[in-house]
Amino acid sequence: MLHLTCTYLIVKDMEESISFYETVLGIKAQSRNIKRWAQFDCGNTIALWNPEYDLELIRNNDDLEEHFNKEYLLFKQNNKINYGNNIILNFNVPDLKNEYERIKALNIGRVTEILYINIVQPYYCFMLEDPDGNMLEITGPYNK
């Protein structure tokens, strides 16, 4: 059986993305590894990964075997990164209206209006876009 350990978000600008997620989540990154990795524990683990760090290391390092095997180098050579809109992170809050006002006041990304969806069961949410175009769906009890 597989156990999900973490969700990686591929990001272009580590500092901008770290700042965005620290602001939205209201916590600091629990761990950071240079400009390649940052991790947040917010009920489940979200990690930010900067693939450009590895590409820069490949371009500017004489001793690649110290860092990567040939299979990884081939993988990086043949793998194109597509940023943004590949994943939706769903967060639940105790008061959707208050969280909506908080996020709007932060002015850190595009925010939708509060949305109503009723497919399997009715719920309210709003969407927030991160610096790379990934969407965060924020749900919770909502009193109009």
Protein backbone atom coordinates (compact mmCIF):
# COMPACT_ATOMS: atom_id res chain seq x y z
CA MET A 1 0.00 0.00 0.00
CA LEU A 2 1.28 3.45 -0.89
CA HIS A 3 1.24 6.19 1.74
CA LEU A 4 1.20 9.79 0.51
CA THR A 5 4.06 11.57 2.24
CA CYS A 6 4.01 14.97 0.64
CA THR A 7 2.71 17.02 -2.29
CA TYR A 8 5.36 18.90 -4.30
CA LEU A 9 4.53 22.14 -6.05
CA ILE A 10 6.99 23.01 -8.79
CA VAL A 11 7.82 26.70 -8.50
CA LYS A 12 9.82 29.22 -10.54
CA ASP A 13 10.72 31.71 -7.81
CA MET A 14 11.41 30.13 -4.41
CA GLU A 15 11.46 33.34 -2.40
CA GLU A 16 8.17 34.59 -3.89
CA SER A 17 6.50 31.20 -3.41
CA ILE A 18 7.80 30.77 0.15
CA SER A 19 6.53 34.24 1.02
CA PHE A 20 3.13 33.47 -0.57
CA TYR A 21 2.65 30.19 1.31
CA GLU A 22 3.96 31.56 4.62
CA THR A 23 1.44 34.40 4.29
CA VAL A 24 -1.53 32.23 3.27
CA LEU A 25 -0.84 29.43 5.76
CA GLY A 26 0.19 31.75 8.60
CA ILE A 27 3.27 29.61 9.36
CA LYS A 28 6.93 29.65 8.44
CA ALA A 29 8.44 26.90 6.29
CA GLN A 30 9.46 24.10 8.68
CA SER A 31 12.49 23.22 6.59
CA ARG A 32 14.39 24.83 3.76
CA ASN A 33 17.19 23.46 1.66
CA ILE A 34 19.03 26.29 -0.05
CA LYS A 35 17.07 27.51 -3.06
CA ARG A 36 15.85 24.03 -4.03
CA TRP A 37 13.30 23.02 -1.40
CA ALA A 38 10.94 24.36 1.27
CA GLN A 39 8.41 22.42 3.30
CA PHE A 40 5.25 23.32 5.24
CA ASP A 41 3.36 21.11 7.67
CA CYS A 42 -0.26 22.26 7.50
CA GLY A 43 -2.21 19.10 8.27
CA ASN A 44 -0.43 17.40 5.39
CA THR A 45 2.94 18.29 3.94
CA ILE A 46 3.26 20.74 1.06
CA ALA A 47 6.73 21.08 -0.40
CA LEU A 48 7.98 23.67 -2.87
CA TRP A 49 10.59 22.41 -5.33
CA ASN A 50 12.66 24.56 -7.66
CA PRO A 51 13.76 22.31 -10.57
CA GLU A 52 15.90 25.14 -11.95
CA TYR A 53 18.29 24.57 -9.03
CA ASP A 54 19.15 21.11 -10.35
CA LEU A 55 19.44 22.34 -13.95
CA GLU A 56 21.82 25.11 -12.88
CA LEU A 57 23.90 22.58 -10.94
CA ILE A 58 24.03 20.33 -14.03
CA ARG A 59 25.08 23.23 -16.28
CA ASN A 60 27.79 24.54 -13.94
CA ASN A 61 29.26 21.48 -12.24
CA ASP A 62 32.21 19.42 -13.40
CA ASP A 63 31.56 16.54 -11.00
CA LEU A 64 27.97 15.59 -11.75
CA GLU A 65 28.36 12.06 -10.37
CA GLU A 66 28.65 13.60 -6.91
CA HIS A 67 25.04 14.81 -7.18
CA PHE A 68 23.20 12.72 -9.79
CA ASN A 69 23.25 9.35 -11.52
CA LYS A 70 23.09 9.09 -15.33
CA GLU A 71 19.40 8.10 -15.22
CA TYR A 72 18.51 11.33 -13.41
CA LEU A 73 20.52 13.38 -15.91
CA LEU A 74 18.70 11.68 -18.79
CA PHE A 75 15.36 12.23 -17.06
CA LYS A 76 16.11 15.95 -16.61
CA GLN A 77 17.22 16.25 -20.23
CA ASN A 78 13.99 14.71 -21.55
CA ASN A 79 11.49 16.15 -19.06
CA LYS A 80 9.86 19.52 -19.76
CA ILE A 81 8.47 21.38 -16.74
CA ASN A 82 4.99 22.86 -17.07
CA TYR A 83 4.34 25.46 -14.40
CA GLY A 84 0.98 26.20 -12.86
CA ASN A 85 -2.61 25.02 -12.94
CA ASN A 86 -1.65 21.36 -12.54
CA ILE A 87 -2.94 20.81 -9.03
CA ILE A 88 -5.58 22.15 -6.68
CA LEU A 89 -4.82 22.21 -2.98
CA ASN A 90 -7.99 22.05 -0.88
CA PHE A 91 -7.98 23.74 2.53
CA ASN A 92 -10.79 23.76 5.07
CA VAL A 93 -11.37 26.65 7.46
CA PRO A 94 -13.87 27.11 10.32
CA ASP A 95 -15.36 30.33 8.86
CA LEU A 96 -15.23 30.78 5.09
CA LYS A 97 -16.43 34.40 5.09
CA ASN A 98 -13.72 35.51 7.56
CA GLU A 99 -11.01 33.64 5.65
CA TYR A 100 -12.20 35.15 2.38
CA GLU A 101 -11.90 38.66 3.82
CA ARG A 102 -8.44 37.86 5.25
CA ILE A 103 -7.12 36.49 1.94
CA LYS A 104 -8.58 39.39 -0.09
CA ALA A 105 -6.97 41.90 2.30
CA LEU A 106 -3.56 40.21 1.83
CA ASN A 107 -3.68 41.05 -1.90
CA ILE A 108 -1.24 38.25 -2.74
CA GLY A 109 -2.94 36.61 -5.70
CA ARG A 110 -6.07 36.44 -7.84
CA VAL A 111 -9.10 35.48 -5.73
CA THR A 112 -12.51 34.41 -7.05
CA GLU A 113 -15.80 35.38 -5.51
CA ILE A 114 -17.29 32.85 -3.08
CA LEU A 115 -18.53 29.97 -5.22
CA TYR A 116 -21.45 27.61 -4.59
CA ILE A 117 -21.15 24.03 -5.85
CA ASN A 118 -23.76 21.29 -5.43
CA ILE A 119 -22.86 18.05 -7.21
CA VAL A 120 -22.56 15.29 -4.60
CA GLN A 121 -23.27 17.61 -1.71
CA PRO A 122 -23.55 21.39 -1.49
CA TYR A 123 -20.58 23.46 -0.42
CA TYR A 124 -19.08 26.92 -0.71
CA CYS A 125 -15.50 27.78 -1.57
CA PHE A 126 -13.28 30.36 -3.15
CA MET A 127 -10.16 29.92 -5.27
CA LEU A 128 -6.81 31.64 -4.76
CA GLU A 129 -4.04 31.54 -7.37
CA ASP A 130 -0.42 31.15 -6.23
CA PRO A 131 2.56 32.84 -7.98
CA ASP A 132 2.90 29.90 -10.41
CA GLY A 133 -0.78 29.67 -11.34
CA ASN A 134 -1.65 26.74 -9.05
CA MET A 135 -5.08 26.99 -7.47
CA LEU A 136 -5.93 26.75 -3.80
CA GLU A 137 -9.55 25.89 -3.04
CA ILE A 138 -10.59 27.14 0.38
CA THR A 139 -13.78 25.65 1.81
CA GLY A 140 -15.67 25.83 5.08
CA PRO A 141 -18.95 26.75 6.71
CA TYR A 142 -20.42 29.84 5.09
CA ASN A 143 -23.19 32.10 6.34
CA LYS A 144 -24.19 34.65 3.72
